[in-house]
PDB file of N, CA and C in Angstrom:
ATOM      1  N   UNK A   1       7.913  13.013  -3.637  1.00  0.00           N
ATOM      2  CA  UNK A   1       8.785  12.065  -2.979  1.00  0.00           C
ATOM      3  C   UNK A   1       8.125  10.700  -2.889  1.00  0.00           C
ATOM      4  N   UNK A   2       6.878  10.675  -2.461  1.00  0.00           N
ATOM      5  CA  UNK A   2       6.181   9.395  -2.313  1.00  0.00           C
ATOM      6  C   UNK A   2       5.965   8.743  -3.671  1.00  0.00           C
ATOM      7  N   UNK A   3       5.686   9.540  -4.695  1.00  0.00           N
ATOM      8  CA  UNK A   3       5.483   8.954  -6.019  1.00  0.00           C
ATOM      9  C   UNK A   3       6.793   8.397  -6.570  1.00  0.00           C
ATOM     10  N   UNK A   4       7.920   9.027  -6.221  1.00  0.00           N
ATOM     11  CA  UNK A   4       9.212   8.496  -6.651  1.00  0.00           C
ATOM     12  C   UNK A   4       9.497   7.154  -5.979  1.00  0.00           C
ATOM     13  N   UNK A   5       9.147   7.041  -4.698  1.00  0.00           N
ATOM     14  CA  UNK A   5       9.336   5.778  -3.987  1.00  0.00           C
ATOM     15  C   UNK A   5       8.478   4.685  -4.594  1.00  0.00           C
ATOM     16  N   UNK A   6       7.228   5.009  -4.884  1.00  0.00           N
ATOM     17  CA  UNK A   6       6.342   4.027  -5.499  1.00  0.00           C
ATOM     18  C   UNK A   6       6.857   3.617  -6.875  1.00  0.00           C
ATOM     19  N   UNK A   7       7.358   4.588  -7.629  1.00  0.00           N
ATOM     20  CA  UNK A   7       7.889   4.278  -8.962  1.00  0.00           C
ATOM     21  C   UNK A   7       9.082   3.346  -8.862  1.00  0.00           C
ATOM     22  N   UNK A   8       9.969   3.585  -7.906  1.00  0.00           N
ATOM     23  CA  UNK A   8      11.141   2.716  -7.765  1.00  0.00           C
ATOM     24  C   UNK A   8      10.737   1.320  -7.299  1.00  0.00           C
ATOM     25  N   UNK A   9       9.756   1.235  -6.393  1.00  0.00           N
ATOM     26  CA  UNK A   9       9.281  -0.079  -5.941  1.00  0.00           C
ATOM     27  C   UNK A   9       8.644  -0.843  -7.091  1.00  0.00           C
ATOM     28  N   UNK A  10       7.843  -0.151  -7.885  1.00  0.00           N
ATOM     29  CA  UNK A  10       7.190  -0.795  -9.019  1.00  0.00           C
ATOM     30  C   UNK A  10       8.216  -1.253 -10.033  1.00  0.00           C
ATOM     31  N   UNK A  11       9.222  -0.436 -10.273  1.00  0.00           N
ATOM     32  CA  UNK A  11      10.254  -0.793 -11.240  1.00  0.00           C
ATOM     33  C   UNK A  11      11.033  -2.020 -10.775  1.00  0.00           C
ATOM     34  N   UNK A  12      11.394  -2.055  -9.482  1.00  0.00           N
ATOM     35  CA  UNK A  12      12.110  -3.223  -8.950  1.00  0.00           C
ATOM     36  C   UNK A  12      11.268  -4.482  -9.060  1.00  0.00           C
ATOM     37  N   UNK A  13       9.981  -4.363  -8.746  1.00  0.00           N
ATOM     38  CA  UNK A  13       9.109  -5.530  -8.808  1.00  0.00           C
ATOM     39  C   UNK A  13       8.943  -6.022 -10.236  1.00  0.00           C
ATOM     40  N   UNK A  14       8.820  -5.103 -11.186  1.00  0.00           N
ATOM     41  CA  UNK A  14       8.704  -5.493 -12.588  1.00  0.00           C
ATOM     42  C   UNK A  14       9.979  -6.164 -13.075  1.00  0.00           C
ATOM     43  N   UNK A  15      11.138  -5.646 -12.678  1.00  0.00           N
ATOM     44  CA  UNK A  15      12.400  -6.272 -13.054  1.00  0.00           C
ATOM     45  C   UNK A  15      12.512  -7.664 -12.444  1.00  0.00           C
ATOM     46  N   UNK A  16      12.069  -7.803 -11.209  1.00  0.00           N
ATOM     47  CA  UNK A  16      12.130  -9.096 -10.546  1.00  0.00           C
ATOM     48  C   UNK A  16      11.235 -10.110 -11.250  1.00  0.00           C
ATOM     49  N   UNK A  17      10.024  -9.697 -11.639  1.00  0.00           N
ATOM     50  CA  UNK A  17       9.114 -10.604 -12.333  1.00  0.00           C
ATOM     51  C   UNK A  17       9.634 -10.972 -13.717  1.00  0.00           C
ATOM     52  N   UNK A  18      10.246 -10.021 -14.425  1.00  0.00           N
ATOM     53  CA  UNK A  18      10.824 -10.330 -15.729  1.00  0.00           C
ATOM     54  C   UNK A  18      11.945 -11.340 -15.588  1.00  0.00           C
ATOM     55  N   UNK A  19      12.761 -11.180 -14.563  1.00  0.00           N
ATOM     56  CA  UNK A  19      13.845 -12.130 -14.324  1.00  0.00           C
ATOM     57  C   UNK A  19      13.286 -13.495 -13.943  1.00  0.00           C
ATOM     58  N   UNK A  20      12.192 -13.503 -13.197  1.00  0.00           N
ATOM     59  CA  UNK A  20      11.553 -14.758 -12.793  1.00  0.00           C
ATOM     60  C   UNK A  20      10.957 -15.474 -14.002  1.00  0.00           C
ATOM     61  N   UNK A  21      10.346 -14.719 -14.904  1.00  0.00           N
ATOM     62  CA  UNK A  21       9.766 -15.308 -16.111  1.00  0.00           C
ATOM     63  C   UNK A  21      10.846 -15.873 -17.020  1.00  0.00           C
ATOM     64  N   UNK A  22      12.013 -15.252 -17.037  1.00  0.00           N
ATOM     65  CA  UNK A  22      13.114 -15.715 -17.871  1.00  0.00           C
ATOM     66  C   UNK A  22      13.814 -16.923 -17.286  1.00  0.00           C
ATOM     67  N   UNK A  23      13.522 -17.273 -16.048  1.00  0.00           N
ATOM     68  CA  UNK A  23      14.124 -18.441 -15.419  1.00  0.00           C
ATOM     69  C   UNK A  23      15.331 -18.107 -14.561  1.00  0.00           C
ATOM     70  N   UNK A  24      15.806 -16.860 -14.604  1.00  0.00           N
ATOM     71  CA  UNK A  24      16.946 -16.438 -13.805  1.00  0.00           C
ATOM     72  C   UNK A  24      16.462 -15.407 -12.810  1.00  0.00           C
ATOM     73  N   UNK A  25      16.705 -15.679 -11.533  1.00  0.00           N
ATOM     74  CA  UNK A  25      16.281 -14.747 -10.501  1.00  0.00           C
ATOM     75  C   UNK A  25      17.443 -13.852 -10.119  1.00  0.00           C
ATOM     76  N   UNK A  26      17.174 -12.619  -9.701  1.00  0.00           N
ATOM     77  CA  UNK A  26      18.239 -11.735  -9.238  1.00  0.00           C
ATOM     78  C   UNK A  26      18.912 -12.307  -7.998  1.00  0.00           C
ATOM     79  N   UNK A  27      20.151 -11.946  -7.768  1.00  0.00           N
ATOM     80  CA  UNK A  27      20.945 -12.507  -6.671  1.00  0.00           C
ATOM     81  C   UNK A  27      20.332 -12.280  -5.297  1.00  0.00           C
ATOM     82  N   UNK A  28      19.832 -11.075  -4.921  1.00  0.00           N
ATOM     83  CA  UNK A  28      19.304 -10.910  -3.568  1.00  0.00           C
ATOM     84  C   UNK A  28      18.073 -11.752  -3.305  1.00  0.00           C
ATOM     85  N   UNK A  29      17.249 -11.947  -4.286  1.00  0.00           N
ATOM     86  CA  UNK A  29      16.033 -12.721  -4.095  1.00  0.00           C
ATOM     87  C   UNK A  29      16.299 -14.222  -4.168  1.00  0.00           C
ATOM     88  N   UNK A  30      17.298 -14.659  -4.904  1.00  0.00           N
ATOM     89  CA  UNK A  30      17.561 -16.079  -5.101  1.00  0.00           C
ATOM     90  C   UNK A  30      17.943 -16.749  -3.787  1.00  0.00           C
ATOM     91  N   UNK A  31      18.660 -16.059  -2.920  1.00  0.00           N
ATOM     92  CA  UNK A  31      19.087 -16.652  -1.657  1.00  0.00           C
ATOM     93  C   UNK A  31      17.925 -16.794  -0.684  1.00  0.00           C
ATOM     94  N   UNK A  32      16.934 -15.918  -0.764  1.00  0.00           N
ATOM     95  CA  UNK A  32      15.848 -15.942   0.203  1.00  0.00           C
ATOM     96  C   UNK A  32      14.707 -16.871  -0.193  1.00  0.00           C
ATOM     97  N   UNK A  33      14.596 -17.258  -1.460  1.00  0.00           N
ATOM     98  CA  UNK A  33      13.498 -18.097  -1.922  1.00  0.00           C
ATOM     99  C   UNK A  33      14.014 -19.507  -2.165  1.00  0.00           C
ATOM    100  N   UNK A  34      13.548 -20.501  -1.380  1.00  0.00           N
ATOM    101  CA  UNK A  34      13.971 -21.873  -1.629  1.00  0.00           C
ATOM    102  C   UNK A  34      13.401 -22.377  -2.949  1.00  0.00           C
ATOM    103  N   UNK A  35      14.165 -23.242  -3.620  1.00  0.00           N
ATOM    104  CA  UNK A  35      13.736 -23.732  -4.933  1.00  0.00           C
ATOM    105  C   UNK A  35      12.656 -24.800  -4.837  1.00  0.00           C
ATOM    106  N   UNK A  36      12.409 -25.343  -3.648  1.00  0.00           N
ATOM    107  CA  UNK A  36      11.408 -26.394  -3.498  1.00  0.00           C
ATOM    108  C   UNK A  36       9.987 -25.853  -3.510  1.00  0.00           C
ATOM    109  N   UNK A  37       9.805 -24.531  -3.292  1.00  0.00           N
ATOM    110  CA  UNK A  37       8.468 -23.952  -3.282  1.00  0.00           C
ATOM    111  C   UNK A  37       7.967 -23.792  -4.711  1.00  0.00           C
ATOM    112  N   UNK A  38       6.685 -24.091  -4.943  1.00  0.00           N
ATOM    113  CA  UNK A  38       6.134 -23.892  -6.289  1.00  0.00           C
ATOM    114  C   UNK A  38       5.990 -22.410  -6.590  1.00  0.00           C
ATOM    115  N   UNK A  39       6.393 -21.989  -7.754  1.00  0.00           N
ATOM    116  CA  UNK A  39       6.368 -20.587  -8.148  1.00  0.00           C
ATOM    117  C   UNK A  39       4.967 -20.041  -8.388  1.00  0.00           C
ATOM    118  N   UNK A  40       3.996 -20.797  -8.965  1.00  0.00           N
ATOM    119  CA  UNK A  40       2.681 -20.209  -9.210  1.00  0.00           C
ATOM    120  C   UNK A  40       1.980 -19.740  -7.941  1.00  0.00           C
ATOM    121  N   UNK A  41       2.157 -20.429  -6.809  1.00  0.00           N
ATOM    122  CA  UNK A  41       1.505 -20.018  -5.576  1.00  0.00           C
ATOM    123  C   UNK A  41       2.103 -18.708  -5.058  1.00  0.00           C
ATOM    124  N   UNK A  42       3.389 -18.534  -5.212  1.00  0.00           N
ATOM    125  CA  UNK A  42       4.032 -17.317  -4.745  1.00  0.00           C
ATOM    126  C   UNK A  42       3.725 -16.144  -5.670  1.00  0.00           C
ATOM    127  N   UNK A  43       3.313 -16.392  -6.868  1.00  0.00           N
ATOM    128  CA  UNK A  43       3.096 -15.341  -7.850  1.00  0.00           C
ATOM    129  C   UNK A  43       1.722 -14.681  -7.697  1.00  0.00           C
ATOM    130  N   UNK A  44       0.731 -15.366  -7.139  1.00  0.00           N
ATOM    131  CA  UNK A  44      -0.623 -14.820  -7.039  1.00  0.00           C
ATOM    132  C   UNK A  44      -0.678 -13.553  -6.186  1.00  0.00           C
ATOM    133  N   UNK A  45      -0.128 -13.501  -4.951  1.00  0.00           N
ATOM    134  CA  UNK A  45      -0.185 -12.259  -4.185  1.00  0.00           C
ATOM    135  C   UNK A  45       0.620 -11.141  -4.845  1.00  0.00           C
ATOM    136  N   UNK A  46       1.689 -11.490  -5.541  1.00  0.00           N
ATOM    137  CA  UNK A  46       2.508 -10.482  -6.204  1.00  0.00           C
ATOM    138  C   UNK A  46       1.723  -9.793  -7.306  1.00  0.00           C
ATOM    139  N   UNK A  47       0.924 -10.536  -8.045  1.00  0.00           N
ATOM    140  CA  UNK A  47       0.139  -9.951  -9.133  1.00  0.00           C
ATOM    141  C   UNK A  47      -0.872  -8.955  -8.576  1.00  0.00           C
ATOM    142  N   UNK A  48      -1.505  -9.300  -7.466  1.00  0.00           N
ATOM    143  CA  UNK A  48      -2.468  -8.389  -6.863  1.00  0.00           C
ATOM    144  C   UNK A  48      -1.772  -7.133  -6.350  1.00  0.00           C
ATOM    145  N   UNK A  49      -0.603  -7.315  -5.734  1.00  0.00           N
ATOM    146  CA  UNK A  49       0.146  -6.177  -5.211  1.00  0.00           C
ATOM    147  C   UNK A  49       0.629  -5.279  -6.343  1.00  0.00           C
ATOM    148  N   UNK A  50       1.023  -5.867  -7.468  1.00  0.00           N
ATOM    149  CA  UNK A  50       1.458  -5.064  -8.611  1.00  0.00           C
ATOM    150  C   UNK A  50       0.330  -4.189  -9.120  1.00  0.00           C
ATOM    151  N   UNK A  51      -0.847  -4.740  -9.246  1.00  0.00           N
ATOM    152  CA  UNK A  51      -1.987  -3.976  -9.731  1.00  0.00           C
ATOM    153  C   UNK A  51      -2.337  -2.861  -8.745  1.00  0.00           C
ATOM    154  N   UNK A  52      -2.284  -3.189  -7.470  1.00  0.00           N
ATOM    155  CA  UNK A  52      -2.594  -2.206  -6.433  1.00  0.00           C
ATOM    156  C   UNK A  52      -1.556  -1.081  -6.418  1.00  0.00           C
ATOM    157  N   UNK A  53      -0.280  -1.460  -6.512  1.00  0.00           N
ATOM    158  CA  UNK A  53       0.793  -0.480  -6.502  1.00  0.00           C
ATOM    159  C   UNK A  53       0.757   0.402  -7.742  1.00  0.00           C
ATOM    160  N   UNK A  54       0.514  -0.189  -8.895  1.00  0.00           N
ATOM    161  CA  UNK A  54       0.459   0.615 -10.115  1.00  0.00           C
ATOM    162  C   UNK A  54      -0.752   1.541 -10.117  1.00  0.00           C
ATOM    163  N   UNK A  55      -1.873   1.099  -9.562  1.00  0.00           N
ATOM    164  CA  UNK A  55      -3.056   1.962  -9.480  1.00  0.00           C
ATOM    165  C   UNK A  55      -2.779   3.155  -8.564  1.00  0.00           C
ATOM    166  N   UNK A  56      -2.109   2.904  -7.441  1.00  0.00           N
ATOM    167  CA  UNK A  56      -1.783   3.990  -6.517  1.00  0.00           C
ATOM    168  C   UNK A  56      -0.777   4.945  -7.157  1.00  0.00           C
ATOM    169  N   UNK A  57       0.204   4.397  -7.855  1.00  0.00           N
ATOM    170  CA  UNK A  57       1.201   5.237  -8.518  1.00  0.00           C
ATOM    171  C   UNK A  57       0.561   6.086  -9.611  1.00  0.00           C
ATOM    172  N   UNK A  58      -0.316   5.479 -10.413  1.00  0.00           N
ATOM    173  CA  UNK A  58      -0.998   6.231 -11.465  1.00  0.00           C
ATOM    174  C   UNK A  58      -1.875   7.330 -10.876  1.00  0.00           C
ATOM    175  N   UNK A  59      -2.528   7.046  -9.771  1.00  0.00           N
ATOM    176  CA  UNK A  59      -3.371   8.052  -9.107  1.00  0.00           C
ATOM    177  C   UNK A  59      -2.527   9.237  -8.642  1.00  0.00           C
ATOM    178  N   UNK A  60      -1.376   8.950  -8.027  1.00  0.00           N
ATOM    179  CA  UNK A  60      -0.512  10.033  -7.551  1.00  0.00           C
ATOM    180  C   UNK A  60       0.064  10.839  -8.708  1.00  0.00           C
ATOM    181  N   UNK A  61       0.411  10.165  -9.796  1.00  0.00           N
ATOM    182  CA  UNK A  61       0.912  10.892 -10.960  1.00  0.00           C
ATOM    183  C   UNK A  61      -0.167  11.798 -11.544  1.00  0.00           C
ATOM    184  N   UNK A  62      -1.400  11.308 -11.602  1.00  0.00           N
ATOM    185  CA  UNK A  62      -2.510  12.130 -12.086  1.00  0.00           C
ATOM    186  C   UNK A  62      -2.720  13.350 -11.194  1.00  0.00           C
ATOM    187  N   UNK A  63      -2.617  13.161  -9.880  1.00  0.00           N
ATOM    188  CA  UNK A  63      -2.778  14.277  -8.950  1.00  0.00           C
ATOM    189  C   UNK A  63      -1.664  15.294  -9.158  1.00  0.00           C
ATOM    190  N   UNK A  64      -0.424  14.810  -9.324  1.00  0.00           N
ATOM    191  CA  UNK A  64       0.705  15.718  -9.523  1.00  0.00           C
ATOM    192  C   UNK A  64       0.600  16.488 -10.832  1.00  0.00           C
ATOM    193  N   UNK A  65       0.038  15.849 -11.867  1.00  0.00           N
ATOM    194  CA  UNK A  65      -0.113  16.512 -13.168  1.00  0.00           C
ATOM    195  C   UNK A  65      -1.329  17.428 -13.195  1.00  0.00           C
ATOM    196  N   UNK A  66      -2.197  17.294 -12.229  1.00  0.00           N
ATOM    197  CA  UNK A  66      -3.387  18.127 -12.173  1.00  0.00           C
ATOM    198  C   UNK A  66      -4.579  17.521 -12.889  1.00  0.00           C
ATOM    199  N   UNK A  67      -4.456  16.283 -13.345  1.00  0.00           N
ATOM    200  CA  UNK A  67      -5.550  15.625 -14.061  1.00  0.00           C
ATOM    201  C   UNK A  67      -6.626  15.115 -13.104  1.00  0.00           C
ATOM    202  N   UNK A  68      -6.243  14.825 -11.874  1.00  0.00           N
ATOM    203  CA  UNK A  68      -7.203  14.306 -10.893  1.00  0.00           C
ATOM    204  C   UNK A  68      -7.104  15.136  -9.621  1.00  0.00           C
ATOM    205  N   UNK A  69      -8.210  15.211  -8.921  1.00  0.00           N
ATOM    206  CA  UNK A  69      -8.232  15.946  -7.658  1.00  0.00           C
ATOM    207  C   UNK A  69      -7.942  14.983  -6.512  1.00  0.00           C
ATOM    208  N   UNK A  70      -7.209  15.438  -5.502  1.00  0.00           N
ATOM    209  CA  UNK A  70      -6.958  14.566  -4.351  1.00  0.00           C
ATOM    210  C   UNK A  70      -8.260  14.251  -3.621  1.00  0.00           C
ATOM    211  N   UNK A  71      -8.333  13.040  -3.100  1.00  0.00           N
ATOM    212  CA  UNK A  71      -9.536  12.639  -2.353  1.00  0.00           C
ATOM    213  C   UNK A  71      -9.531  13.304  -0.991  1.00  0.00           C
ATOM    214  N   UNK A  72     -10.700  13.644  -0.549  1.00  0.00           N
ATOM    215  CA  UNK A  72     -10.837  14.233   0.790  1.00  0.00           C
ATOM    216  C   UNK A  72     -10.745  13.119   1.828  1.00  0.00           C
ATOM    217  N   UNK A  73     -10.076  13.415   2.899  1.00  0.00           N
ATOM    218  CA  UNK A  73      -9.996  12.461   3.999  1.00  0.00           C
ATOM    219  C   UNK A  73     -11.332  12.436   4.731  1.00  0.00           C
ATOM    220  N   UNK A  74     -11.718  11.266   5.161  1.00  0.00           N
ATOM    221  CA  UNK A  74     -12.952  11.139   5.917  1.00  0.00           C
ATOM    222  C   UNK A  74     -12.684  11.562   7.356  1.00  0.00           C
ATOM    223  N   UNK A  75     -13.454  12.508   7.832  1.00  0.00           N
ATOM    224  CA  UNK A  75     -13.276  13.032   9.180  1.00  0.00           C
ATOM    225  C   UNK A  75     -14.121  12.206  10.144  1.00  0.00           C
ATOM    226  N   UNK A  76     -13.522  11.873  11.267  1.00  0.00           N
ATOM    227  CA  UNK A  76     -14.209  11.074  12.284  1.00  0.00           C
ATOM    228  C   UNK A  76     -14.787  12.002  13.340  1.00  0.00           C
ATOM    229  N   UNK A  77     -16.095  11.927  13.550  1.00  0.00           N
ATOM    230  CA  UNK A  77     -16.787  12.710  14.571  1.00  0.00           C
ATOM    231  C   UNK A  77     -17.281  11.752  15.656  1.00  0.00           C
ATOM    232  N   UNK A  78     -16.582  11.688  16.783  1.00  0.00           N
ATOM    233  CA  UNK A  78     -16.965  10.717  17.808  1.00  0.00           C
ATOM    234  C   UNK A  78     -18.325  11.008  18.450  1.00  0.00           C
ATOM    235  N   UNK A  79     -18.718  12.286  18.478  1.00  0.00           N
ATOM    236  CA  UNK A  79     -19.979  12.630  19.132  1.00  0.00           C
ATOM    237  C   UNK A  79     -21.173  12.085  18.354  1.00  0.00           C
ATOM    238  N   UNK A  80     -21.127  12.162  17.036  1.00  0.00           N
ATOM    239  CA  UNK A  80     -22.234  11.632  16.233  1.00  0.00           C
ATOM    240  C   UNK A  80     -22.095  10.126  16.013  1.00  0.00           C
ATOM    241  N   UNK A  81     -20.864   9.622  16.090  1.00  0.00           N
ATOM    242  CA  UNK A  81     -20.635   8.193  15.885  1.00  0.00           C
ATOM    243  C   UNK A  81     -21.096   7.363  17.080  1.00  0.00           C
ATOM    244  N   UNK A  82     -20.964   7.920  18.276  1.00  0.00           N
ATOM    245  CA  UNK A  82     -21.340   7.215  19.498  1.00  0.00           C
ATOM    246  C   UNK A  82     -22.353   8.044  20.295  1.00  0.00           C
ATOM    247  N   UNK A  83     -23.604   8.047  19.895  1.00  0.00           N
ATOM    248  CA  UNK A  83     -24.592   8.864  20.612  1.00  0.00           C
ATOM    249  C   UNK A  83     -24.914   8.334  22.012  1.00  0.00           C
ATOM    250  N   UNK A  84     -24.554   7.101  22.293  1.00  0.00           N
ATOM    251  CA  UNK A  84     -24.863   6.533  23.605  1.00  0.00           C
ATOM    252  C   UNK A  84     -23.945   7.081  24.692  1.00  0.00           C
ATOM    253  N   UNK A  85     -22.815   7.713  24.314  1.00  0.00           N
ATOM    254  CA  UNK A  85     -21.903   8.292  25.284  1.00  0.00           C
ATOM    255  C   UNK A  85     -22.104   9.808  25.330  1.00  0.00           C
ATOM    256  N   UNK A  86     -21.931  10.377  26.516  1.00  0.00           N
ATOM    257  CA  UNK A  86     -22.049  11.830  26.650  1.00  0.00           C
ATOM    258  C   UNK A  86     -20.782  12.490  26.100  1.00  0.00           C
ATOM    259  N   UNK A  87     -20.897  13.768  25.773  1.00  0.00           N
ATOM    260  CA  UNK A  87     -19.740  14.504  25.262  1.00  0.00           C
ATOM    261  C   UNK A  87     -18.624  14.556  26.294  1.00  0.00           C
ATOM    262  N   UNK A  88     -19.010  14.709  27.550  1.00  0.00           N
ATOM    263  CA  UNK A  88     -18.025  14.767  28.625  1.00  0.00           C
ATOM    264  C   UNK A  88     -17.253  13.450  28.725  1.00  0.00           C
ATOM    265  N   UNK A  89     -17.966  12.330  28.626  1.00  0.00           N
ATOM    266  CA  UNK A  89     -17.319  11.024  28.699  1.00  0.00           C
ATOM    267  C   UNK A  89     -16.365  10.832  27.520  1.00  0.00           C
ATOM    268  N   UNK A  90     -16.788  11.232  26.329  1.00  0.00           N
ATOM    269  CA  UNK A  90     -15.931  11.099  25.145  1.00  0.00           C
ATOM    270  C   UNK A  90     -14.682  11.957  25.300  1.00  0.00           C
ATOM    271  N   UNK A  91     -14.819  13.184  25.827  1.00  0.00           N
ATOM    272  CA  UNK A  91     -13.654  14.038  26.055  1.00  0.00           C
ATOM    273  C   UNK A  91     -12.705  13.405  27.061  1.00  0.00           C
ATOM    274  N   UNK A  92     -13.256  12.809  28.126  1.00  0.00           N
ATOM    275  CA  UNK A  92     -12.419  12.142  29.127  1.00  0.00           C
ATOM    276  C   UNK A  92     -11.683  10.951  28.518  1.00  0.00           C
ATOM    277  N   UNK A  93     -12.387  10.179  27.703  1.00  0.00           N
ATOM    278  CA  UNK A  93     -11.760   9.023  27.055  1.00  0.00           C
ATOM    279  C   UNK A  93     -10.662   9.460  26.090  1.00  0.00           C
ATOM    280  N   UNK A  94     -10.905  10.544  25.345  1.00  0.00           N
ATOM    281  CA  UNK A  94      -9.875  11.065  24.432  1.00  0.00           C
ATOM    282  C   UNK A  94      -8.635  11.530  25.198  1.00  0.00           C
ATOM    283  N   UNK A  95      -8.844  12.194  26.325  1.00  0.00           N
ATOM    284  CA  UNK A  95      -7.703  12.666  27.103  1.00  0.00           C
ATOM    285  C   UNK A  95      -6.926  11.484  27.694  1.00  0.00           C
ATOM    286  N   UNK A  96      -7.630  10.445  28.123  1.00  0.00           N
ATOM    287  CA  UNK A  96      -6.946   9.255  28.632  1.00  0.00           C
ATOM    288  C   UNK A  96      -6.173   8.574  27.517  1.00  0.00           C
ATOM    289  N   UNK A  97      -6.718   8.563  26.324  1.00  0.00           N
ATOM    290  CA  UNK A  97      -6.043   7.938  25.182  1.00  0.00           C
ATOM    291  C   UNK A  97      -4.767   8.697  24.838  1.00  0.00           C
ATOM    292  N   UNK A  98      -4.807  10.012  24.912  1.00  0.00           N
ATOM    293  CA  UNK A  98      -3.619  10.812  24.600  1.00  0.00           C
ATOM    294  C   UNK A  98      -2.502  10.587  25.611  1.00  0.00           C
ATOM    295  N   UNK A  99      -2.885  10.302  26.869  1.00  0.00           N
ATOM    296  CA  UNK A  99      -1.856  10.055  27.897  1.00  0.00           C
ATOM    297  C   UNK A  99      -1.186   8.729  27.632  1.00  0.00           C
TER     298      UNK A  99
END
């Protein structure tokens, strides 16, 4: 499901950039972007986001195909992370946070 969402987002962004390069913008985006803004400045963050999105999409596709293993989540251990606090204090703080 998440890979399908990423694929659709990437596809929409690629279509939008192709339309932008051709000089014609799609109707929903044309109303929100004023023509007085320079296009090269707006394009820089989009290029970085495209690379980031495509890398994430490719990673998920590799995981789904079995070519790559999913990354392990980093587990947070508050007792070893904060040795200056007692275990009892950390437990009390965690319970207060949950409330």
